[in-house]
PDB file of all heavy atoms in Angstrom:
ATOM      1  N   GLY A   1     101.072 139.848 101.277  1.00  0.00           N
ATOM      2  CA  GLY A   1     100.311 138.881 102.048  1.00  0.00           C
ATOM      3  C   GLY A   1      99.694 137.783 101.206  1.00  0.00           C
ATOM      4  O   GLY A   1      99.458 136.677 101.694  1.00  0.00           O
ATOM      5  N   ALA A   2      99.427 138.096  99.932  1.00  0.00           N
ATOM      6  CA  ALA A   2      98.732 137.137  99.068  1.00  0.00           C
ATOM      7  C   ALA A   2      99.661 136.182  98.344  1.00  0.00           C
ATOM      8  O   ALA A   2      99.228 135.103  97.911  1.00  0.00           O
ATOM      9  CB  ALA A   2      97.886 137.896  98.041  1.00  0.00           C
ATOM     10  N   LEU A   3     100.935 136.564  98.199  1.00  0.00           N
ATOM     11  CA  LEU A   3     101.860 135.781  97.388  1.00  0.00           C
ATOM     12  C   LEU A   3     102.955 135.169  98.245  1.00  0.00           C
ATOM     13  O   LEU A   3     103.322 135.715  99.289  1.00  0.00           O
ATOM     14  CB  LEU A   3     102.492 136.674  96.308  1.00  0.00           C
ATOM     15  CG  LEU A   3     101.528 137.353  95.334  1.00  0.00           C
ATOM     16  CD1 LEU A   3     102.294 138.264  94.380  1.00  0.00           C
ATOM     17  CD2 LEU A   3     100.723 136.320  94.551  1.00  0.00           C
ATOM     18  N   ASP A   4     103.485 134.056  97.787  1.00  0.00           N
ATOM     19  CA  ASP A   4     104.585 133.402  98.507  1.00  0.00           C
ATOM     20  C   ASP A   4     105.923 133.657  97.828  1.00  0.00           C
ATOM     21  O   ASP A   4     106.875 132.899  98.003  1.00  0.00           O
ATOM     22  CB  ASP A   4     104.323 131.906  98.666  1.00  0.00           C
ATOM     23  CG  ASP A   4     104.167 131.185  97.330  1.00  0.00           C
ATOM     24  OD1 ASP A   4     104.294 131.851  96.268  1.00  0.00           O
ATOM     25  OD2 ASP A   4     103.927 129.968  97.336  1.00  0.00           O
ATOM     26  N   ILE A   5     105.992 134.716  97.010  1.00  0.00           N
ATOM     27  CA  ILE A   5     107.236 135.168  96.391  1.00  0.00           C
ATOM     28  C   ILE A   5     107.504 136.594  96.868  1.00  0.00           C
ATOM     29  O   ILE A   5     106.595 137.273  97.344  1.00  0.00           O
ATOM     30  CB  ILE A   5     107.161 135.119  94.850  1.00  0.00           C
ATOM     31  CG1 ILE A   5     105.968 135.932  94.338  1.00  0.00           C
ATOM     32  CG2 ILE A   5     107.109 133.680  94.365  1.00  0.00           C
ATOM     33  CD1 ILE A   5     105.873 136.010  92.825  1.00  0.00           C
ATOM     34  N   PRO A   6     108.743 137.067  96.770  1.00  0.00           N
ATOM     35  CA  PRO A   6     109.052 138.419  97.243  1.00  0.00           C
ATOM     36  C   PRO A   6     108.317 139.490  96.424  1.00  0.00           C
ATOM     37  O   PRO A   6     108.233 139.400  95.191  1.00  0.00           O
ATOM     38  CB  PRO A   6     110.563 138.541  97.048  1.00  0.00           C
ATOM     39  CG  PRO A   6     111.063 137.139  96.977  1.00  0.00           C
ATOM     40  CD  PRO A   6     109.964 136.339  96.355  1.00  0.00           C
ATOM     41  N   VAL A   7     107.804 140.485  97.113  1.00  0.00           N
ATOM     42  CA  VAL A   7     107.146 141.635  96.488  1.00  0.00           C
ATOM     43  C   VAL A   7     107.766 142.895  97.064  1.00  0.00           C
ATOM     44  O   VAL A   7     107.814 143.063  98.285  1.00  0.00           O
ATOM     45  CB  VAL A   7     105.626 141.637  96.742  1.00  0.00           C
ATOM     46  CG1 VAL A   7     104.955 142.788  95.986  1.00  0.00           C
ATOM     47  CG2 VAL A   7     104.991 140.305  96.359  1.00  0.00           C
ATOM     48  N   VAL A   8     108.257 143.784  96.195  1.00  0.00           N
ATOM     49  CA  VAL A   8     108.876 145.028  96.640  1.00  0.00           C
ATOM     50  C   VAL A   8     108.195 146.206  95.963  1.00  0.00           C
ATOM     51  O   VAL A   8     107.526 146.053  94.937  1.00  0.00           O
ATOM     52  CB  VAL A   8     110.394 145.059  96.350  1.00  0.00           C
ATOM     53  CG1 VAL A   8     111.096 143.878  96.998  1.00  0.00           C
ATOM     54  CG2 VAL A   8     110.663 145.092  94.842  1.00  0.00           C
ATOM     55  N   GLY A   9     108.389 147.403  96.531  1.00  0.00           N
ATOM     56  CA  GLY A   9     107.831 148.617  95.957  1.00  0.00           C
ATOM     57  C   GLY A   9     108.939 149.587  95.580  1.00  0.00           C
ATOM     58  O   GLY A   9     110.018 149.579  96.185  1.00  0.00           O
ATOM     59  N   ILE A  10     108.663 150.448  94.611  1.00  0.00           N
ATOM     60  CA  ILE A  10     109.717 151.355  94.165  1.00  0.00           C
ATOM     61  C   ILE A  10     110.011 152.440  95.195  1.00  0.00           C
ATOM     62  O   ILE A  10     111.151 152.915  95.271  1.00  0.00           O
ATOM     63  CB  ILE A  10     109.431 151.963  92.781  1.00  0.00           C
ATOM     64  CG1 ILE A  10     108.169 152.842  92.771  1.00  0.00           C
ATOM     65  CG2 ILE A  10     109.340 150.868  91.725  1.00  0.00           C
ATOM     66  CD1 ILE A  10     108.001 153.635  91.477  1.00  0.00           C
ATOM     67  N   ALA A  11     109.036 152.847  95.991  1.00  0.00           N
ATOM     68  CA  ALA A  11     109.332 153.815  97.055  1.00  0.00           C
ATOM     69  C   ALA A  11     110.175 153.159  98.138  1.00  0.00           C
ATOM     70  O   ALA A  11     111.185 153.714  98.586  1.00  0.00           O
ATOM     71  CB  ALA A  11     108.041 154.380  97.639  1.00  0.00           C
ATOM     72  N   GLU A  12     109.767 151.979  98.542  1.00  0.00           N
ATOM     73  CA  GLU A  12     110.496 151.222  99.565  1.00  0.00           C
ATOM     74  C   GLU A  12     111.961 151.044  99.187  1.00  0.00           C
ATOM     75  O   GLU A  12     112.883 151.347  99.963  1.00  0.00           O
ATOM     76  CB  GLU A  12     109.815 149.858  99.716  1.00  0.00           C
ATOM     77  CG  GLU A  12     110.551 148.837 100.552  1.00  0.00           C
ATOM     78  CD  GLU A  12     110.001 147.437 100.339  1.00  0.00           C
ATOM     79  OE1 GLU A  12     109.809 147.024  99.166  1.00  0.00           O
ATOM     80  OE2 GLU A  12     109.772 146.760 101.343  1.00  0.00           O
ATOM     81  N   GLN A  13     112.196 150.569  97.976  1.00  0.00           N
ATOM     82  CA  GLN A  13     113.556 150.233  97.574  1.00  0.00           C
ATOM     83  C   GLN A  13     114.392 151.477  97.262  1.00  0.00           C
ATOM     84  O   GLN A  13     115.592 151.505  97.538  1.00  0.00           O
ATOM     85  CB  GLN A  13     113.526 149.299  96.366  1.00  0.00           C
ATOM     86  CG  GLN A  13     112.947 147.926  96.672  1.00  0.00           C
ATOM     87  CD  GLN A  13     113.752 147.180  97.721  1.00  0.00           C
ATOM     88  OE1 GLN A  13     114.971 147.081  97.612  1.00  0.00           O
ATOM     89  NE2 GLN A  13     113.088 146.655  98.743  1.00  0.00           N
ATOM     90  N   SER A  14     113.782 152.507  96.689  1.00  0.00           N
ATOM     91  CA  SER A  14     114.555 153.713  96.402  1.00  0.00           C
ATOM     92  C   SER A  14     114.931 154.444  97.680  1.00  0.00           C
ATOM     93  O   SER A  14     116.043 154.990  97.782  1.00  0.00           O
ATOM     94  CB  SER A  14     113.793 154.640  95.452  1.00  0.00           C
ATOM     95  OG  SER A  14     112.564 155.055  95.987  1.00  0.00           O
ATOM     96  N   MET A  15     114.058 154.443  98.675  1.00  0.00           N
ATOM     97  CA  MET A  15     114.409 155.061  99.947  1.00  0.00           C
ATOM     98  C   MET A  15     115.515 154.290 100.648  1.00  0.00           C
ATOM     99  O   MET A  15     116.434 154.889 101.221  1.00  0.00           O
ATOM    100  CB  MET A  15     113.166 155.182 100.839  1.00  0.00           C
ATOM    101  CG  MET A  15     112.188 156.233 100.369  1.00  0.00           C
ATOM    102  SD  MET A  15     110.750 156.410 101.482  1.00  0.00           S
ATOM    103  CE  MET A  15     109.828 157.681 100.614  1.00  0.00           C
ATOM    104  N   ALA A  16     115.453 152.970 100.581  1.00  0.00           N
ATOM    105  CA  ALA A  16     116.521 152.162 101.179  1.00  0.00           C
ATOM    106  C   ALA A  16     117.860 152.456 100.511  1.00  0.00           C
ATOM    107  O   ALA A  16     118.893 152.558 101.183  1.00  0.00           O
ATOM    108  CB  ALA A  16     116.177 150.680 101.075  1.00  0.00           C
ATOM    109  N   SER A  17     117.836 152.613  99.201  1.00  0.00           N
ATOM    110  CA  SER A  17     119.061 152.918  98.476  1.00  0.00           C
ATOM    111  C   SER A  17     119.568 154.315  98.801  1.00  0.00           C
ATOM    112  O   SER A  17     120.765 154.519  99.053  1.00  0.00           O
ATOM    113  CB  SER A  17     118.814 152.785  96.970  1.00  0.00           C
ATOM    114  OG  SER A  17     119.975 153.070  96.239  1.00  0.00           O
ATOM    115  N   ALA A  18     118.673 155.283  98.818  1.00  0.00           N
ATOM    116  CA  ALA A  18     119.068 156.672  99.091  1.00  0.00           C
ATOM    117  C   ALA A  18     119.613 156.842 100.499  1.00  0.00           C
ATOM    118  O   ALA A  18     120.501 157.669 100.737  1.00  0.00           O
ATOM    119  CB  ALA A  18     117.876 157.599  98.891  1.00  0.00           C
ATOM    120  N   ALA A  19     119.083 156.063 101.443  1.00  0.00           N
ATOM    121  CA  ALA A  19     119.443 156.222 102.848  1.00  0.00           C
ATOM    122  C   ALA A  19     120.715 155.482 103.241  1.00  0.00           C
ATOM    123  O   ALA A  19     121.155 155.572 104.399  1.00  0.00           O
ATOM    124  CB  ALA A  19     118.290 155.739 103.728  1.00  0.00           C
ATOM    125  N   GLN A  20     121.343 154.768 102.302  1.00  0.00           N
ATOM    126  CA  GLN A  20     122.555 154.025 102.640  1.00  0.00           C
ATOM    127  C   GLN A  20     123.627 154.960 103.194  1.00  0.00           C
ATOM    128  O   GLN A  20     123.780 156.090 102.757  1.00  0.00           O
ATOM    129  CB  GLN A  20     123.092 153.323 101.389  1.00  0.00           C
ATOM    130  CG  GLN A  20     122.262 152.134 100.956  1.00  0.00           C
ATOM    131  CD  GLN A  20     122.825 151.464  99.718  1.00  0.00           C
ATOM    132  OE1 GLN A  20     123.897 151.799  99.244  1.00  0.00           O
ATOM    133  NE2 GLN A  20     122.091 150.496  99.188  1.00  0.00           N
ATOM    134  N   GLY A  21     124.360 154.460 104.180  1.00  0.00           N
ATOM    135  CA  GLY A  21     125.393 155.276 104.810  1.00  0.00           C
ATOM    136  C   GLY A  21     124.827 156.396 105.655  1.00  0.00           C
ATOM    137  O   GLY A  21     125.521 157.385 105.924  1.00  0.00           O
ATOM    138  N   ASN A  22     123.559 156.255 106.057  1.00  0.00           N
ATOM    139  CA  ASN A  22     122.876 157.261 106.874  1.00  0.00           C
ATOM    140  C   ASN A  22     122.751 158.604 106.157  1.00  0.00           C
ATOM    141  O   ASN A  22     122.695 159.660 106.785  1.00  0.00           O
ATOM    142  CB  ASN A  22     123.580 157.453 108.226  1.00  0.00           C
ATOM    143  CG  ASN A  22     122.638 157.971 109.291  1.00  0.00           C
ATOM    144  OD1 ASN A  22     121.460 157.620 109.331  1.00  0.00           O
ATOM    145  ND2 ASN A  22     123.142 158.827 110.167  1.00  0.00           N
ATOM    146  N   ARG A  23     122.688 158.566 104.818  1.00  0.00           N
ATOM    147  CA  ARG A  23     122.550 159.797 104.049  1.00  0.00           C
ATOM    148  C   ARG A  23     121.183 160.427 104.260  1.00  0.00           C
ATOM    149  O   ARG A  23     120.177 159.737 104.404  1.00  0.00           O
ATOM    150  CB  ARG A  23     122.713 159.513 102.548  1.00  0.00           C
ATOM    151  CG  ARG A  23     124.101 159.165 102.114  1.00  0.00           C
ATOM    152  CD  ARG A  23     124.190 159.027 100.600  1.00  0.00           C
ATOM    153  NE  ARG A  23     123.319 157.994 100.060  1.00  0.00           N
ATOM    154  CZ  ARG A  23     123.614 157.261  98.990  1.00  0.00           C
ATOM    155  NH1 ARG A  23     124.761 157.455  98.345  1.00  0.00           N
ATOM    156  NH2 ARG A  23     122.776 156.337  98.544  1.00  0.00           N
ATOM    157  N   ARG A  24     121.159 161.746 104.246  1.00  0.00           N
ATOM    158  CA  ARG A  24     119.904 162.497 104.156  1.00  0.00           C
ATOM    159  C   ARG A  24     119.541 162.605 102.672  1.00  0.00           C
ATOM    160  O   ARG A  24     120.393 162.860 101.828  1.00  0.00           O
ATOM    161  CB  ARG A  24     120.058 163.893 104.765  1.00  0.00           C
ATOM    162  CG  ARG A  24     120.090 163.866 106.294  1.00  0.00           C
ATOM    163  CD  ARG A  24     120.489 165.225 106.855  1.00  0.00           C
ATOM    164  NE  ARG A  24     119.691 166.333 106.336  1.00  0.00           N
ATOM    165  CZ  ARG A  24     118.467 166.646 106.749  1.00  0.00           C
ATOM    166  NH1 ARG A  24     117.876 165.912 107.693  1.00  0.00           N
ATOM    167  NH2 ARG A  24     117.825 167.679 106.243  1.00  0.00           N
ATOM    168  N   PHE A  25     118.271 162.389 102.377  1.00  0.00           N
ATOM    169  CA  PHE A  25     117.854 162.392 100.981  1.00  0.00           C
ATOM    170  C   PHE A  25     116.590 163.235 100.799  1.00  0.00           C
ATOM    171  O   PHE A  25     115.822 163.458 101.742  1.00  0.00           O
ATOM    172  CB  PHE A  25     117.615 160.975 100.468  1.00  0.00           C
ATOM    173  CG  PHE A  25     116.482 160.239 101.154  1.00  0.00           C
ATOM    174  CD1 PHE A  25     115.185 160.327 100.677  1.00  0.00           C
ATOM    175  CD2 PHE A  25     116.725 159.451 102.275  1.00  0.00           C
ATOM    176  CE1 PHE A  25     114.142 159.645 101.305  1.00  0.00           C
ATOM    177  CE2 PHE A  25     115.697 158.767 102.914  1.00  0.00           C
ATOM    178  CZ  PHE A  25     114.403 158.865 102.423  1.00  0.00           C
ATOM    179  N   SER A  26     116.417 163.692  99.585  1.00  0.00           N
ATOM    180  CA  SER A  26     115.203 164.410  99.207  1.00  0.00           C
ATOM    181  C   SER A  26     114.490 163.662  98.096  1.00  0.00           C
ATOM    182  O   SER A  26     115.124 163.004  97.267  1.00  0.00           O
ATOM    183  CB  SER A  26     115.534 165.824  98.728  1.00  0.00           C
ATOM    184  OG  SER A  26     115.982 166.634  99.788  1.00  0.00           O
ATOM    185  N   VAL A  27     113.180 163.767  98.084  1.00  0.00           N
ATOM    186  CA  VAL A  27     112.362 163.256  96.995  1.00  0.00           C
ATOM    187  C   VAL A  27     111.942 164.448  96.144  1.00  0.00           C
ATOM    188  O   VAL A  27     111.373 165.416  96.658  1.00  0.00           O
ATOM    189  CB  VAL A  27     111.118 162.513  97.516  1.00  0.00           C
ATOM    190  CG1 VAL A  27     110.240 162.060  96.352  1.00  0.00           C
ATOM    191  CG2 VAL A  27     111.524 161.328  98.386  1.00  0.00           C
ATOM    192  N   VAL A  28     112.245 164.389  94.859  1.00  0.00           N
ATOM    193  CA  VAL A  28     111.821 165.420  93.924  1.00  0.00           C
ATOM    194  C   VAL A  28     110.767 164.809  93.013  1.00  0.00           C
ATOM    195  O   VAL A  28     111.003 163.760  92.395  1.00  0.00           O
ATOM    196  CB  VAL A  28     113.008 165.953  93.098  1.00  0.00           C
ATOM    197  CG1 VAL A  28     112.542 167.032  92.121  1.00  0.00           C
ATOM    198  CG2 VAL A  28     114.087 166.514  94.023  1.00  0.00           C
ATOM    199  N   THR A  29     109.592 165.441  92.957  1.00  0.00           N
ATOM    200  CA  THR A  29     108.473 164.843  92.245  1.00  0.00           C
ATOM    201  C   THR A  29     107.550 165.929  91.711  1.00  0.00           C
ATOM    202  O   THR A  29     107.823 167.122  91.858  1.00  0.00           O
ATOM    203  CB  THR A  29     107.741 163.843  93.156  1.00  0.00           C
ATOM    204  OG1 THR A  29     106.770 163.116  92.390  1.00  0.00           O
ATOM    205  CG2 THR A  29     107.066 164.528  94.332  1.00  0.00           C
ATOM    206  N   THR A  30     106.445 165.508  91.116  1.00  0.00           N
ATOM    207  CA  THR A  30     105.548 166.435  90.419  1.00  0.00           C
ATOM    208  C   THR A  30     104.175 166.554  91.063  1.00  0.00           C
ATOM    209  O   THR A  30     103.336 167.299  90.560  1.00  0.00           O
ATOM    210  CB  THR A  30     105.351 165.951  88.969  1.00  0.00           C
ATOM    211  OG1 THR A  30     104.809 164.626  88.990  1.00  0.00           O
ATOM    212  CG2 THR A  30     106.668 165.948  88.196  1.00  0.00           C
ATOM    213  N   THR A  31     103.924 165.830  92.143  1.00  0.00           N
ATOM    214  CA  THR A  31     102.552 165.673  92.656  1.00  0.00           C
ATOM    215  C   THR A  31     102.397 166.259  94.061  1.00  0.00           C
ATOM    216  O   THR A  31     102.604 165.558  95.051  1.00  0.00           O
ATOM    217  CB  THR A  31     102.156 164.182  92.673  1.00  0.00           C
ATOM    218  OG1 THR A  31     103.220 163.437  93.313  1.00  0.00           O
ATOM    219  CG2 THR A  31     101.989 163.659  91.261  1.00  0.00           C
ATOM    220  N   PRO A  32     102.003 167.526  94.164  1.00  0.00           N
ATOM    221  CA  PRO A  32     101.895 168.158  95.490  1.00  0.00           C
ATOM    222  C   PRO A  32     100.885 167.494  96.414  1.00  0.00           C
ATOM    223  O   PRO A  32     101.035 167.544  97.639  1.00  0.00           O
ATOM    224  CB  PRO A  32     101.484 169.602  95.160  1.00  0.00           C
ATOM    225  CG  PRO A  32     100.910 169.549  93.785  1.00  0.00           C
ATOM    226  CD  PRO A  32     101.650 168.463  93.078  1.00  0.00           C
ATOM    227  N   GLU A  33      99.872 166.875  95.846  1.00  0.00           N
ATOM    228  CA  GLU A  33      98.837 166.265  96.689  1.00  0.00           C
ATOM    229  C   GLU A  33      99.255 164.925  97.278  1.00  0.00           C
ATOM    230  O   GLU A  33      98.490 164.317  98.042  1.00  0.00           O
ATOM    231  CB  GLU A  33      97.536 166.116  95.893  1.00  0.00           C
ATOM    232  CG  GLU A  33      96.911 167.450  95.510  1.00  0.00           C
ATOM    233  CD  GLU A  33      95.598 167.275  94.786  1.00  0.00           C
ATOM    234  OE1 GLU A  33      94.667 166.686  95.387  1.00  0.00           O
ATOM    235  OE2 GLU A  33      95.489 167.709  93.627  1.00  0.00           O
ATOM    236  N   LEU A  34     100.453 164.460  96.943  1.00  0.00           N
ATOM    237  CA  LEU A  34     100.938 163.198  97.497  1.00  0.00           C
ATOM    238  C   LEU A  34     102.071 163.388  98.497  1.00  0.00           C
ATOM    239  O   LEU A  34     102.716 162.419  98.900  1.00  0.00           O
ATOM    240  CB  LEU A  34     101.394 162.264  96.365  1.00  0.00           C
ATOM    241  CG  LEU A  34     100.272 161.723  95.481  1.00  0.00           C
ATOM    242  CD1 LEU A  34     100.836 160.883  94.343  1.00  0.00           C
ATOM    243  CD2 LEU A  34      99.271 160.902  96.294  1.00  0.00           C
ATOM    244  N   ILE A  35     102.299 164.619  98.924  1.00  0.00           N
ATOM    245  CA  ILE A  35     103.369 164.868  99.897  1.00  0.00           C
ATOM    246  C   ILE A  35     103.149 164.044 101.170  1.00  0.00           C
ATOM    247  O   ILE A  35     104.078 163.409 101.676  1.00  0.00           O
ATOM    248  CB  ILE A  35     103.458 166.370 100.232  1.00  0.00           C
ATOM    249  CG1 ILE A  35     104.047 167.138  99.045  1.00  0.00           C
ATOM    250  CG2 ILE A  35     104.305 166.602 101.484  1.00  0.00           C
ATOM    251  CD1 ILE A  35     104.080 168.639  99.247  1.00  0.00           C
ATOM    252  N   ARG A  36     101.937 164.029 101.653  1.00  0.00           N
ATOM    253  CA  ARG A  36     101.666 163.305 102.902  1.00  0.00           C
ATOM    254  C   ARG A  36     101.932 161.804 102.757  1.00  0.00           C
ATOM    255  O   ARG A  36     102.492 161.171 103.666  1.00  0.00           O
ATOM    256  CB  ARG A  36     100.217 163.538 103.336  1.00  0.00           C
ATOM    257  CG  ARG A  36      99.879 162.932 104.693  1.00  0.00           C
ATOM    258  CD  ARG A  36      98.516 163.397 105.181  1.00  0.00           C
ATOM    259  NE  ARG A  36      97.451 163.016 104.266  1.00  0.00           N
ATOM    260  CZ  ARG A  36      96.172 163.308 104.452  1.00  0.00           C
ATOM    261  NH1 ARG A  36      95.812 164.015 105.517  1.00  0.00           N
ATOM    262  NH2 ARG A  36      95.262 162.928 103.583  1.00  0.00           N
ATOM    263  N   SER A  37     101.565 161.230 101.615  1.00  0.00           N
ATOM    264  CA  SER A  37     101.788 159.788 101.431  1.00  0.00           C
ATOM    265  C   SER A  37     103.272 159.478 101.310  1.00  0.00           C
ATOM    266  O   SER A  37     103.730 158.423 101.773  1.00  0.00           O
ATOM    267  CB  SER A  37     101.031 159.277 100.205  1.00  0.00           C
ATOM    268  OG  SER A  37     101.625 159.726  99.004  1.00  0.00           O
TER     269      SER A  37
END
């Protein structure tokens, strides 16, 4: 909202990549307290 250039996030873009072709994907990570986010 603050910038007039493109801004992307690593979760946003990695999920878009993983989901290509309607694939089911899993996230493997180290932080149990961030499951909800």
